[in-house]
């Protein structure tokens, strides 16, 4: 099948949804996996503890992931990251998510991916702006999310670096970011809902440990490896492709590349909690891969595209096999 038929075909959208929902159902029935165990938040329990019913858990999470895929399409349509109308970000995001059984349940990582995708709307809109409001809004959202998932704070340095990339690194933006992040805590501590000592949860609590052996017999390990390699390959190709594009397009895609690398580094450092960072990595790699394949529809691009689909499908089936 011609790759162009995947890019704008309405059946790509429908097929992706059917494939994802079928995959979630098969995962819930046949896959053997450990459920996510998120660390408790500053005030609220982690998302893994919000829903006790497996059916409601899978259902809410599926709606969340489908919404995240739609947000990726909307970002591309508004900010022209890929320079073309394409449905591939949606396809890749659902494909990468369904290949990780632990991500079929509601977890902090999936919420983090969708929230950070939402924040990108304000982030990209702040290009060359001098107003403090976008920074205040972005950091305010991240601050509120740390109440149930402290690891949200790990992405603050990345967005501060991103401010420079989109020419938004000013005294106003830095003050707006600081006040936006501090305001929720200032209010909660001020009215006595949260003790000041609760802020200690924001301190990174992980130790880098190199395992003696790698889990080569675990399909989840190979899924992560394949996703990292896909991100490195498509991200590098994106750098060359956007070299002659306008500065704004380079800045947007450059930040997606940074987000991909940053999430991969966090995943490696804190690999025991990989489900926190893998969804964000999936989101970033989905945009990178969509950019590459949308702009490379010749024979080698088609062959590579179907190879990627085959590899991920094989890993998905491997997850369903009895241990």
C-alpha atoms as a PDB file:
ATOM      1  CA  UNK A   1       0.000   0.000   0.000  1.00  0.00           C
ATOM      2  CA  UNK A   2       1.221   3.489  -0.848  1.00  0.00           C
ATOM      3  CA  UNK A   3       2.432   5.413   2.214  1.00  0.00           C
ATOM      4  CA  UNK A   4       0.500   8.493   1.096  1.00  0.00           C
ATOM      5  CA  UNK A   5      -2.727   6.598   1.686  1.00  0.00           C
ATOM      6  CA  UNK A   6      -1.839   6.379   5.382  1.00  0.00           C
ATOM      7  CA  UNK A   7      -1.072  10.065   5.726  1.00  0.00           C
ATOM      8  CA  UNK A   8      -4.467  11.606   4.980  1.00  0.00           C
ATOM      9  CA  UNK A   9      -6.801   8.640   4.647  1.00  0.00           C
ATOM     10  CA  UNK A  10      -9.799   8.800   6.979  1.00  0.00           C
ATOM     11  CA  UNK A  11      -9.502   5.045   7.444  1.00  0.00           C
ATOM     12  CA  UNK A  12      -6.138   5.609   9.133  1.00  0.00           C
ATOM     13  CA  UNK A  13      -7.938   7.381  11.969  1.00  0.00           C
ATOM     14  CA  UNK A  14     -10.659   4.742  12.278  1.00  0.00           C
ATOM     15  CA  UNK A  15      -8.217   1.846  11.875  1.00  0.00           C
ATOM     16  CA  UNK A  16      -5.893   3.257  14.527  1.00  0.00           C
ATOM     17  CA  UNK A  17      -8.747   3.549  17.029  1.00  0.00           C
ATOM     18  CA  UNK A  18      -9.994   0.024  16.310  1.00  0.00           C
ATOM     19  CA  UNK A  19      -6.475  -1.402  16.561  1.00  0.00           C
ATOM     20  CA  UNK A  20      -5.798   0.397  19.841  1.00  0.00           C
ATOM     21  CA  UNK A  21      -9.069  -0.569  21.522  1.00  0.00           C
ATOM     22  CA  UNK A  22      -8.696  -4.170  20.340  1.00  0.00           C
ATOM     23  CA  UNK A  23      -5.147  -4.187  21.667  1.00  0.00           C
ATOM     24  CA  UNK A  24      -6.263  -2.889  25.072  1.00  0.00           C
ATOM     25  CA  UNK A  25      -8.912  -5.608  25.260  1.00  0.00           C
ATOM     26  CA  UNK A  26      -6.463  -8.369  24.306  1.00  0.00           C
ATOM     27  CA  UNK A  27      -3.907  -7.006  26.761  1.00  0.00           C
ATOM     28  CA  UNK A  28      -6.433  -7.063  29.608  1.00  0.00           C
ATOM     29  CA  UNK A  29      -7.351 -10.660  28.767  1.00  0.00           C
ATOM     30  CA  UNK A  30      -4.068 -12.338  27.903  1.00  0.00           C
ATOM     31  CA  UNK A  31      -1.007 -10.223  28.729  1.00  0.00           C
ATOM     32  CA  UNK A  32       0.989 -10.780  31.901  1.00  0.00           C
ATOM     33  CA  UNK A  33       2.393  -7.564  33.303  1.00  0.00           C
ATOM     34  CA  UNK A  34       2.965  -5.663  36.492  1.00  0.00           C
ATOM     35  CA  UNK A  35       0.593  -2.731  37.039  1.00  0.00           C
ATOM     36  CA  UNK A  36       2.120   0.715  37.460  1.00  0.00           C
ATOM     37  CA  UNK A  37       2.902   1.770  40.994  1.00  0.00           C
ATOM     38  CA  UNK A  38       3.254   5.514  40.991  1.00  0.00           C
ATOM     39  CA  UNK A  39       4.739   7.359  43.915  1.00  0.00           C
ATOM     40  CA  UNK A  40       2.216   9.275  46.039  1.00  0.00           C
ATOM     41  CA  UNK A  41       1.745  12.934  45.326  1.00  0.00           C
ATOM     42  CA  UNK A  42       2.156  15.856  47.690  1.00  0.00           C
ATOM     43  CA  UNK A  43      -1.566  15.918  48.525  1.00  0.00           C
ATOM     44  CA  UNK A  44      -3.306  13.252  46.474  1.00  0.00           C
ATOM     45  CA  UNK A  45      -2.668   9.597  45.652  1.00  0.00           C
ATOM     46  CA  UNK A  46      -1.167   8.703  42.292  1.00  0.00           C
ATOM     47  CA  UNK A  47      -3.465   8.133  39.326  1.00  0.00           C
ATOM     48  CA  UNK A  48      -2.927   4.371  39.603  1.00  0.00           C
ATOM     49  CA  UNK A  49      -5.126   4.420  42.724  1.00  0.00           C
ATOM     50  CA  UNK A  50      -7.962   6.559  41.412  1.00  0.00           C
ATOM     51  CA  UNK A  51     -10.070   3.782  39.907  1.00  0.00           C
ATOM     52  CA  UNK A  52     -10.448   0.335  41.429  1.00  0.00           C
ATOM     53  CA  UNK A  53     -12.596  -1.229  38.723  1.00  0.00           C
ATOM     54  CA  UNK A  54     -10.494  -2.709  35.875  1.00  0.00           C
ATOM     55  CA  UNK A  55     -13.196  -1.871  33.329  1.00  0.00           C
ATOM     56  CA  UNK A  56     -13.471   1.778  34.333  1.00  0.00           C
ATOM     57  CA  UNK A  57      -9.680   1.995  34.578  1.00  0.00           C
ATOM     58  CA  UNK A  58      -9.130   0.699  31.041  1.00  0.00           C
ATOM     59  CA  UNK A  59     -11.999   2.827  29.713  1.00  0.00           C
ATOM     60  CA  UNK A  60     -10.844   6.119  31.213  1.00  0.00           C
ATOM     61  CA  UNK A  61      -7.267   5.463  30.164  1.00  0.00           C
ATOM     62  CA  UNK A  62      -8.333   4.657  26.586  1.00  0.00           C
ATOM     63  CA  UNK A  63     -10.250   7.937  26.379  1.00  0.00           C
ATOM     64  CA  UNK A  64      -7.186   9.740  27.736  1.00  0.00           C
ATOM     65  CA  UNK A  65      -4.841   8.198  25.156  1.00  0.00           C
ATOM     66  CA  UNK A  66      -7.227   8.847  22.262  1.00  0.00           C
ATOM     67  CA  UNK A  67      -7.515  12.460  23.427  1.00  0.00           C
ATOM     68  CA  UNK A  68      -3.719  12.716  23.512  1.00  0.00           C
ATOM     69  CA  UNK A  69      -3.518  11.507  19.918  1.00  0.00           C
ATOM     70  CA  UNK A  70      -6.069  14.085  18.818  1.00  0.00           C
ATOM     71  CA  UNK A  71      -4.102  16.814  20.617  1.00  0.00           C
ATOM     72  CA  UNK A  72      -1.007  15.854  18.608  1.00  0.00           C
ATOM     73  CA  UNK A  73      -2.977  16.284  15.379  1.00  0.00           C
ATOM     74  CA  UNK A  74      -4.263  19.641  16.578  1.00  0.00           C
ATOM     75  CA  UNK A  75      -0.755  20.850  17.447  1.00  0.00           C
ATOM     76  CA  UNK A  76       0.473  20.004  13.963  1.00  0.00           C
ATOM     77  CA  UNK A  77      -2.509  21.722  12.343  1.00  0.00           C
ATOM     78  CA  UNK A  78      -2.032  24.901  14.402  1.00  0.00           C
ATOM     79  CA  UNK A  79       1.765  25.228  14.390  1.00  0.00           C
ATOM     80  CA  UNK A  80       2.713  23.304  11.214  1.00  0.00           C
ATOM     81  CA  UNK A  81       5.456  21.252  12.823  1.00  0.00           C
ATOM     82  CA  UNK A  82       5.344  18.708   9.991  1.00  0.00           C
ATOM     83  CA  UNK A  83       4.472  21.294   7.308  1.00  0.00           C
ATOM     84  CA  UNK A  84       1.761  18.978   5.974  1.00  0.00           C
ATOM     85  CA  UNK A  85      -1.611  17.673   7.060  1.00  0.00           C
ATOM     86  CA  UNK A  86      -1.050  14.135   8.351  1.00  0.00           C
ATOM     87  CA  UNK A  87      -2.691  11.543  10.591  1.00  0.00           C
ATOM     88  CA  UNK A  88       0.553   9.734  11.362  1.00  0.00           C
ATOM     89  CA  UNK A  89       1.108  11.340  14.828  1.00  0.00           C
ATOM     90  CA  UNK A  90      -2.189   9.791  15.933  1.00  0.00           C
ATOM     91  CA  UNK A  91      -1.317   6.403  14.450  1.00  0.00           C
ATOM     92  CA  UNK A  92       2.157   6.249  15.970  1.00  0.00           C
ATOM     93  CA  UNK A  93       1.067   7.419  19.428  1.00  0.00           C
ATOM     94  CA  UNK A  94      -1.616   4.744  19.694  1.00  0.00           C
ATOM     95  CA  UNK A  95       0.751   2.113  18.308  1.00  0.00           C
ATOM     96  CA  UNK A  96       3.523   2.908  20.776  1.00  0.00           C
ATOM     97  CA  UNK A  97       1.121   3.053  23.710  1.00  0.00           C
ATOM     98  CA  UNK A  98      -0.638  -0.248  23.011  1.00  0.00           C
ATOM     99  CA  UNK A  99       2.679  -2.099  22.765  1.00  0.00           C
ATOM    100  CA  UNK A 100       3.362  -1.450  26.468  1.00  0.00           C
ATOM    101  CA  UNK A 101       0.866  -3.505  28.534  1.00  0.00           C
ATOM    102  CA  UNK A 102       1.437  -1.492  31.725  1.00  0.00           C
ATOM    103  CA  UNK A 103       0.283   1.646  29.894  1.00  0.00           C
ATOM    104  CA  UNK A 104      -3.135   0.128  29.174  1.00  0.00           C
ATOM    105  CA  UNK A 105      -4.163   1.160  32.686  1.00  0.00           C
ATOM    106  CA  UNK A 106      -4.538   4.700  33.978  1.00  0.00           C
ATOM    107  CA  UNK A 107      -1.208   5.873  35.354  1.00  0.00           C
ATOM    108  CA  UNK A 108       0.730   9.038  36.133  1.00  0.00           C
ATOM    109  CA  UNK A 109       2.832   8.622  33.001  1.00  0.00           C
ATOM    110  CA  UNK A 110      -0.129   8.676  30.605  1.00  0.00           C
ATOM    111  CA  UNK A 111      -1.582  11.725  32.338  1.00  0.00           C
ATOM    112  CA  UNK A 112       1.827  13.399  32.195  1.00  0.00           C
ATOM    113  CA  UNK A 113       2.059  12.816  28.442  1.00  0.00           C
ATOM    114  CA  UNK A 114      -1.372  14.337  27.767  1.00  0.00           C
ATOM    115  CA  UNK A 115      -0.823  17.274  30.152  1.00  0.00           C
ATOM    116  CA  UNK A 116       2.573  18.124  28.647  1.00  0.00           C
ATOM    117  CA  UNK A 117       1.045  17.880  25.170  1.00  0.00           C
ATOM    118  CA  UNK A 118      -1.610  20.370  26.280  1.00  0.00           C
ATOM    119  CA  UNK A 119       1.069  22.684  27.689  1.00  0.00           C
ATOM    120  CA  UNK A 120       2.769  22.696  24.280  1.00  0.00           C
ATOM    121  CA  UNK A 121      -0.094  24.838  22.946  1.00  0.00           C
ATOM    122  CA  UNK A 122       0.877  27.676  25.313  1.00  0.00           C
ATOM    123  CA  UNK A 123       4.570  26.959  24.856  1.00  0.00           C
ATOM    124  CA  UNK A 124       4.533  27.207  21.049  1.00  0.00           C
ATOM    125  CA  UNK A 125       2.195  30.225  21.186  1.00  0.00           C
ATOM    126  CA  UNK A 126       4.806  32.050  23.288  1.00  0.00           C
ATOM    127  CA  UNK A 127       7.294  32.184  20.399  1.00  0.00           C
ATOM    128  CA  UNK A 128       9.069  35.574  20.503  1.00  0.00           C
ATOM    129  CA  UNK A 129       6.518  36.867  23.014  1.00  0.00           C
ATOM    130  CA  UNK A 130       7.335  39.210  25.868  1.00  0.00           C
ATOM    131  CA  UNK A 131       4.306  38.472  28.045  1.00  0.00           C
ATOM    132  CA  UNK A 132       4.674  36.538  31.304  1.00  0.00           C
ATOM    133  CA  UNK A 133       1.216  34.910  31.126  1.00  0.00           C
ATOM    134  CA  UNK A 134       2.196  31.829  29.056  1.00  0.00           C
ATOM    135  CA  UNK A 135       5.055  30.966  31.434  1.00  0.00           C
ATOM    136  CA  UNK A 136       2.796  31.519  34.439  1.00  0.00           C
ATOM    137  CA  UNK A 137       0.128  29.228  32.969  1.00  0.00           C
ATOM    138  CA  UNK A 138       2.549  26.448  31.995  1.00  0.00           C
ATOM    139  CA  UNK A 139       4.309  26.322  35.332  1.00  0.00           C
ATOM    140  CA  UNK A 140       1.040  26.698  37.227  1.00  0.00           C
ATOM    141  CA  UNK A 141      -0.327  23.584  35.508  1.00  0.00           C
ATOM    142  CA  UNK A 142       2.857  21.642  36.238  1.00  0.00           C
ATOM    143  CA  UNK A 143       2.741  22.792  39.871  1.00  0.00           C
ATOM    144  CA  UNK A 144      -0.858  21.596  40.295  1.00  0.00           C
ATOM    145  CA  UNK A 145       0.008  18.238  38.739  1.00  0.00           C
ATOM    146  CA  UNK A 146       2.804  17.661  41.252  1.00  0.00           C
ATOM    147  CA  UNK A 147       0.073  17.369  43.896  1.00  0.00           C
ATOM    148  CA  UNK A 148      -0.548  13.837  42.625  1.00  0.00           C
ATOM    149  CA  UNK A 149       2.680  13.220  40.658  1.00  0.00           C
ATOM    150  CA  UNK A 150       5.846  15.001  41.917  1.00  0.00           C
ATOM    151  CA  UNK A 151       7.784  13.840  38.834  1.00  0.00           C
ATOM    152  CA  UNK A 152       6.075  16.539  36.780  1.00  0.00           C
ATOM    153  CA  UNK A 153       8.616  18.920  38.284  1.00  0.00           C
ATOM    154  CA  UNK A 154      11.437  17.067  36.508  1.00  0.00           C
ATOM    155  CA  UNK A 155      10.348  18.667  33.219  1.00  0.00           C
ATOM    156  CA  UNK A 156      10.645  22.250  34.469  1.00  0.00           C
ATOM    157  CA  UNK A 157      14.360  22.578  33.507  1.00  0.00           C
ATOM    158  CA  UNK A 158      13.527  21.365  30.006  1.00  0.00           C
ATOM    159  CA  UNK A 159      10.864  24.012  29.492  1.00  0.00           C
ATOM    160  CA  UNK A 160      13.180  26.727  30.825  1.00  0.00           C
ATOM    161  CA  UNK A 161      15.764  25.631  28.246  1.00  0.00           C
ATOM    162  CA  UNK A 162      12.970  25.590  25.683  1.00  0.00           C
ATOM    163  CA  UNK A 163      12.205  29.237  26.459  1.00  0.00           C
ATOM    164  CA  UNK A 164      15.576  30.139  24.969  1.00  0.00           C
ATOM    165  CA  UNK A 165      14.904  27.962  21.936  1.00  0.00           C
ATOM    166  CA  UNK A 166      11.635  29.745  21.113  1.00  0.00           C
ATOM    167  CA  UNK A 167      13.104  33.177  21.934  1.00  0.00           C
ATOM    168  CA  UNK A 168      11.003  33.548  25.058  1.00  0.00           C
ATOM    169  CA  UNK A 169      13.826  33.575  27.582  1.00  0.00           C
ATOM    170  CA  UNK A 170      13.328  36.940  29.275  1.00  0.00           C
ATOM    171  CA  UNK A 171      13.168  38.285  32.803  1.00  0.00           C
ATOM    172  CA  UNK A 172       9.373  38.469  32.496  1.00  0.00           C
ATOM    173  CA  UNK A 173       9.067  34.843  31.413  1.00  0.00           C
ATOM    174  CA  UNK A 174      11.363  33.630  34.199  1.00  0.00           C
ATOM    175  CA  UNK A 175       9.450  35.615  36.830  1.00  0.00           C
ATOM    176  CA  UNK A 176       6.165  34.382  35.396  1.00  0.00           C
ATOM    177  CA  UNK A 177       7.413  30.785  35.532  1.00  0.00           C
ATOM    178  CA  UNK A 178       8.598  31.142  39.116  1.00  0.00           C
ATOM    179  CA  UNK A 179       5.397  32.798  40.328  1.00  0.00           C
ATOM    180  CA  UNK A 180       3.242  30.333  38.389  1.00  0.00           C
ATOM    181  CA  UNK A 181       4.969  27.354  39.971  1.00  0.00           C
ATOM    182  CA  UNK A 182       4.990  28.845  43.471  1.00  0.00           C
ATOM    183  CA  UNK A 183       1.410  30.171  43.577  1.00  0.00           C
ATOM    184  CA  UNK A 184      -0.462  26.868  44.169  1.00  0.00           C
ATOM    185  CA  UNK A 185       1.919  25.924  46.996  1.00  0.00           C
ATOM    186  CA  UNK A 186       1.757  29.423  48.477  1.00  0.00           C
ATOM    187  CA  UNK A 187      -2.059  29.237  48.573  1.00  0.00           C
ATOM    188  CA  UNK A 188      -2.234  25.664  49.904  1.00  0.00           C
ATOM    189  CA  UNK A 189       0.382  26.279  52.603  1.00  0.00           C
ATOM    190  CA  UNK A 190      -1.152  29.635  53.469  1.00  0.00           C
ATOM    191  CA  UNK A 191      -4.613  28.210  54.171  1.00  0.00           C
ATOM    192  CA  UNK A 192      -3.190  25.229  56.035  1.00  0.00           C
ATOM    193  CA  UNK A 193      -4.125  22.439  53.632  1.00  0.00           C
ATOM    194  CA  UNK A 194      -0.526  21.477  52.936  1.00  0.00           C
ATOM    195  CA  UNK A 195       2.448  21.557  55.331  1.00  0.00           C
ATOM    196  CA  UNK A 196       5.619  23.263  54.182  1.00  0.00           C
ATOM    197  CA  UNK A 197       7.483  19.987  54.623  1.00  0.00           C
ATOM    198  CA  UNK A 198       5.378  18.554  51.788  1.00  0.00           C
ATOM    199  CA  UNK A 199       7.623  20.367  49.324  1.00  0.00           C
ATOM    200  CA  UNK A 200      10.328  17.803  50.061  1.00  0.00           C
ATOM    201  CA  UNK A 201       8.454  15.432  47.720  1.00  0.00           C
ATOM    202  CA  UNK A 202       9.696  17.563  44.807  1.00  0.00           C
ATOM    203  CA  UNK A 203      13.311  16.549  45.484  1.00  0.00           C
ATOM    204  CA  UNK A 204      14.321  13.832  42.987  1.00  0.00           C
ATOM    205  CA  UNK A 205      14.245  10.480  44.743  1.00  0.00           C
ATOM    206  CA  UNK A 206      15.986   7.958  42.542  1.00  0.00           C
ATOM    207  CA  UNK A 207      19.404   6.396  42.351  1.00  0.00           C
ATOM    208  CA  UNK A 208      21.033   5.356  39.110  1.00  0.00           C
ATOM    209  CA  UNK A 209      21.728   1.641  39.162  1.00  0.00           C
ATOM    210  CA  UNK A 210      23.226  -0.462  36.394  1.00  0.00           C
ATOM    211  CA  UNK A 211      21.699  -3.958  36.393  1.00  0.00           C
ATOM    212  CA  UNK A 212      24.012  -6.937  36.164  1.00  0.00           C
ATOM    213  CA  UNK A 213      22.018  -8.403  33.259  1.00  0.00           C
ATOM    214  CA  UNK A 214      19.595  -6.869  30.793  1.00  0.00           C
ATOM    215  CA  UNK A 215      16.099  -8.385  30.416  1.00  0.00           C
ATOM    216  CA  UNK A 216      16.562  -9.614  26.856  1.00  0.00           C
ATOM    217  CA  UNK A 217      13.629 -12.008  27.248  1.00  0.00           C
ATOM    218  CA  UNK A 218      11.211  -9.220  28.130  1.00  0.00           C
ATOM    219  CA  UNK A 219       9.280  -7.691  25.166  1.00  0.00           C
ATOM    220  CA  UNK A 220       8.877  -4.442  27.117  1.00  0.00           C
ATOM    221  CA  UNK A 221      12.659  -3.997  27.089  1.00  0.00           C
ATOM    222  CA  UNK A 222      12.778  -4.320  23.296  1.00  0.00           C
ATOM    223  CA  UNK A 223       9.787  -2.006  22.923  1.00  0.00           C
ATOM    224  CA  UNK A 224      11.658   0.722  24.796  1.00  0.00           C
ATOM    225  CA  UNK A 225      14.843   0.077  22.806  1.00  0.00           C
ATOM    226  CA  UNK A 226      12.945   0.268  19.511  1.00  0.00           C
ATOM    227  CA  UNK A 227      11.191   3.487  20.548  1.00  0.00           C
ATOM    228  CA  UNK A 228      14.473   5.143  21.581  1.00  0.00           C
ATOM    229  CA  UNK A 229      16.124   4.113  18.304  1.00  0.00           C
ATOM    230  CA  UNK A 230      13.136   5.326  16.289  1.00  0.00           C
ATOM    231  CA  UNK A 231      13.323   8.665  18.084  1.00  0.00           C
ATOM    232  CA  UNK A 232      17.064   9.025  17.492  1.00  0.00           C
ATOM    233  CA  UNK A 233      16.754   8.131  13.822  1.00  0.00           C
ATOM    234  CA  UNK A 234      13.710  10.242  12.987  1.00  0.00           C
ATOM    235  CA  UNK A 235      14.885  13.106  15.192  1.00  0.00           C
ATOM    236  CA  UNK A 236      18.247  13.251  13.423  1.00  0.00           C
ATOM    237  CA  UNK A 237      16.517  13.119  10.056  1.00  0.00           C
ATOM    238  CA  UNK A 238      14.232  15.946  11.165  1.00  0.00           C
ATOM    239  CA  UNK A 239      17.230  18.149  11.934  1.00  0.00           C
ATOM    240  CA  UNK A 240      18.489  17.760   8.363  1.00  0.00           C
ATOM    241  CA  UNK A 241      15.024  18.162   6.828  1.00  0.00           C
ATOM    242  CA  UNK A 242      14.190  21.366   8.725  1.00  0.00           C
ATOM    243  CA  UNK A 243      17.612  22.940   8.189  1.00  0.00           C
ATOM    244  CA  UNK A 244      16.283  25.156   5.394  1.00  0.00           C
ATOM    245  CA  UNK A 245      12.880  25.743   7.000  1.00  0.00           C
ATOM    246  CA  UNK A 246      11.995  28.984   8.729  1.00  0.00           C
ATOM    247  CA  UNK A 247      13.419  29.567  12.192  1.00  0.00           C
ATOM    248  CA  UNK A 248      10.098  29.098  13.960  1.00  0.00           C
ATOM    249  CA  UNK A 249       9.583  25.621  12.486  1.00  0.00           C
ATOM    250  CA  UNK A 250      13.128  24.625  13.447  1.00  0.00           C
ATOM    251  CA  UNK A 251      12.548  25.838  16.996  1.00  0.00           C
ATOM    252  CA  UNK A 252       9.314  23.862  17.381  1.00  0.00           C
ATOM    253  CA  UNK A 253      10.746  20.613  16.031  1.00  0.00           C
ATOM    254  CA  UNK A 254      13.975  21.172  17.918  1.00  0.00           C
ATOM    255  CA  UNK A 255      12.063  21.256  21.188  1.00  0.00           C
ATOM    256  CA  UNK A 256      10.242  18.021  20.315  1.00  0.00           C
ATOM    257  CA  UNK A 257      13.675  16.464  19.753  1.00  0.00           C
ATOM    258  CA  UNK A 258      14.846  17.781  23.122  1.00  0.00           C
ATOM    259  CA  UNK A 259      11.719  16.421  24.796  1.00  0.00           C
ATOM    260  CA  UNK A 260      12.384  13.005  23.285  1.00  0.00           C
ATOM    261  CA  UNK A 261      16.035  12.879  24.386  1.00  0.00           C
ATOM    262  CA  UNK A 262      15.258  14.306  27.827  1.00  0.00           C
ATOM    263  CA  UNK A 263      12.527  11.706  28.464  1.00  0.00           C
ATOM    264  CA  UNK A 264      14.821   8.907  27.294  1.00  0.00           C
ATOM    265  CA  UNK A 265      17.525  10.085  29.723  1.00  0.00           C
ATOM    266  CA  UNK A 266      15.045  10.221  32.616  1.00  0.00           C
ATOM    267  CA  UNK A 267      13.811   6.754  31.687  1.00  0.00           C
ATOM    268  CA  UNK A 268      17.342   5.348  31.752  1.00  0.00           C
ATOM    269  CA  UNK A 269      18.278   7.053  35.028  1.00  0.00           C
ATOM    270  CA  UNK A 270      15.025   6.093  36.766  1.00  0.00           C
ATOM    271  CA  UNK A 271      14.321   2.909  34.811  1.00  0.00           C
ATOM    272  CA  UNK A 272      12.463   1.276  37.711  1.00  0.00           C
ATOM    273  CA  UNK A 273       9.736   3.864  37.159  1.00  0.00           C
ATOM    274  CA  UNK A 274       9.889   3.740  33.358  1.00  0.00           C
ATOM    275  CA  UNK A 275       6.101   4.027  33.051  1.00  0.00           C
ATOM    276  CA  UNK A 276       6.398   7.656  34.211  1.00  0.00           C
ATOM    277  CA  UNK A 277       8.529   8.721  31.265  1.00  0.00           C
ATOM    278  CA  UNK A 278       7.725   6.219  28.503  1.00  0.00           C
ATOM    279  CA  UNK A 279       4.357   7.832  27.567  1.00  0.00           C
ATOM    280  CA  UNK A 280       6.048  11.237  27.176  1.00  0.00           C
ATOM    281  CA  UNK A 281       8.752   9.579  25.084  1.00  0.00           C
ATOM    282  CA  UNK A 282       6.018   7.906  23.010  1.00  0.00           C
ATOM    283  CA  UNK A 283       4.376  11.272  22.418  1.00  0.00           C
ATOM    284  CA  UNK A 284       7.583  12.963  21.293  1.00  0.00           C
ATOM    285  CA  UNK A 285       8.718  10.043  19.127  1.00  0.00           C
ATOM    286  CA  UNK A 286       5.272   9.922  17.507  1.00  0.00           C
ATOM    287  CA  UNK A 287       5.744  13.483  16.269  1.00  0.00           C
ATOM    288  CA  UNK A 288       9.318  12.760  15.159  1.00  0.00           C
ATOM    289  CA  UNK A 289       8.375   9.593  13.273  1.00  0.00           C
ATOM    290  CA  UNK A 290       5.333  11.276  11.729  1.00  0.00           C
ATOM    291  CA  UNK A 291       7.533  14.102  10.468  1.00  0.00           C
ATOM    292  CA  UNK A 292      10.001  11.681   8.885  1.00  0.00           C
ATOM    293  CA  UNK A 293       7.504   9.393   7.173  1.00  0.00           C
ATOM    294  CA  UNK A 294       5.199  12.208   6.034  1.00  0.00           C
ATOM    295  CA  UNK A 295       8.118  13.852   4.261  1.00  0.00           C
ATOM    296  CA  UNK A 296       9.720  10.623   2.971  1.00  0.00           C
ATOM    297  CA  UNK A 297       7.168   8.761   0.880  1.00  0.00           C
ATOM    298  CA  UNK A 298       9.599   7.205  -1.571  1.00  0.00           C
ATOM    299  CA  UNK A 299      10.351   3.486  -1.694  1.00  0.00           C
ATOM    300  CA  UNK A 300      12.867   3.401   1.169  1.00  0.00           C
ATOM    301  CA  UNK A 301      10.459   5.352   3.370  1.00  0.00           C
ATOM    302  CA  UNK A 302       7.618   2.940   2.579  1.00  0.00           C
ATOM    303  CA  UNK A 303       9.772  -0.112   3.334  1.00  0.00           C
ATOM    304  CA  UNK A 304      10.978   1.379   6.621  1.00  0.00           C
ATOM    305  CA  UNK A 305       7.429   2.389   7.592  1.00  0.00           C
ATOM    306  CA  UNK A 306       6.072  -1.134   7.175  1.00  0.00           C
ATOM    307  CA  UNK A 307       9.120  -2.563   8.917  1.00  0.00           C
ATOM    308  CA  UNK A 308       8.417  -0.362  11.950  1.00  0.00           C
ATOM    309  CA  UNK A 309       4.746  -1.399  11.984  1.00  0.00           C
ATOM    310  CA  UNK A 310       5.741  -5.072  11.736  1.00  0.00           C
ATOM    311  CA  UNK A 311       8.268  -4.832  14.574  1.00  0.00           C
ATOM    312  CA  UNK A 312       5.833  -3.135  16.941  1.00  0.00           C
ATOM    313  CA  UNK A 313       3.055  -5.559  16.019  1.00  0.00           C
ATOM    314  CA  UNK A 314       5.412  -8.455  16.698  1.00  0.00           C
ATOM    315  CA  UNK A 315       6.299  -7.022  20.106  1.00  0.00           C
ATOM    316  CA  UNK A 316       2.610  -6.575  20.881  1.00  0.00           C
ATOM    317  CA  UNK A 317       1.905 -10.227  20.041  1.00  0.00           C
ATOM    318  CA  UNK A 318       4.920 -11.288  22.123  1.00  0.00           C
ATOM    319  CA  UNK A 319       3.352  -9.567  25.131  1.00  0.00           C
ATOM    320  CA  UNK A 320       0.235 -11.700  24.718  1.00  0.00           C
ATOM    321  CA  UNK A 321       2.094 -14.999  24.777  1.00  0.00           C
ATOM    322  CA  UNK A 322       2.082 -16.941  28.066  1.00  0.00           C
ATOM    323  CA  UNK A 323       5.224 -16.603  30.141  1.00  0.00           C
END
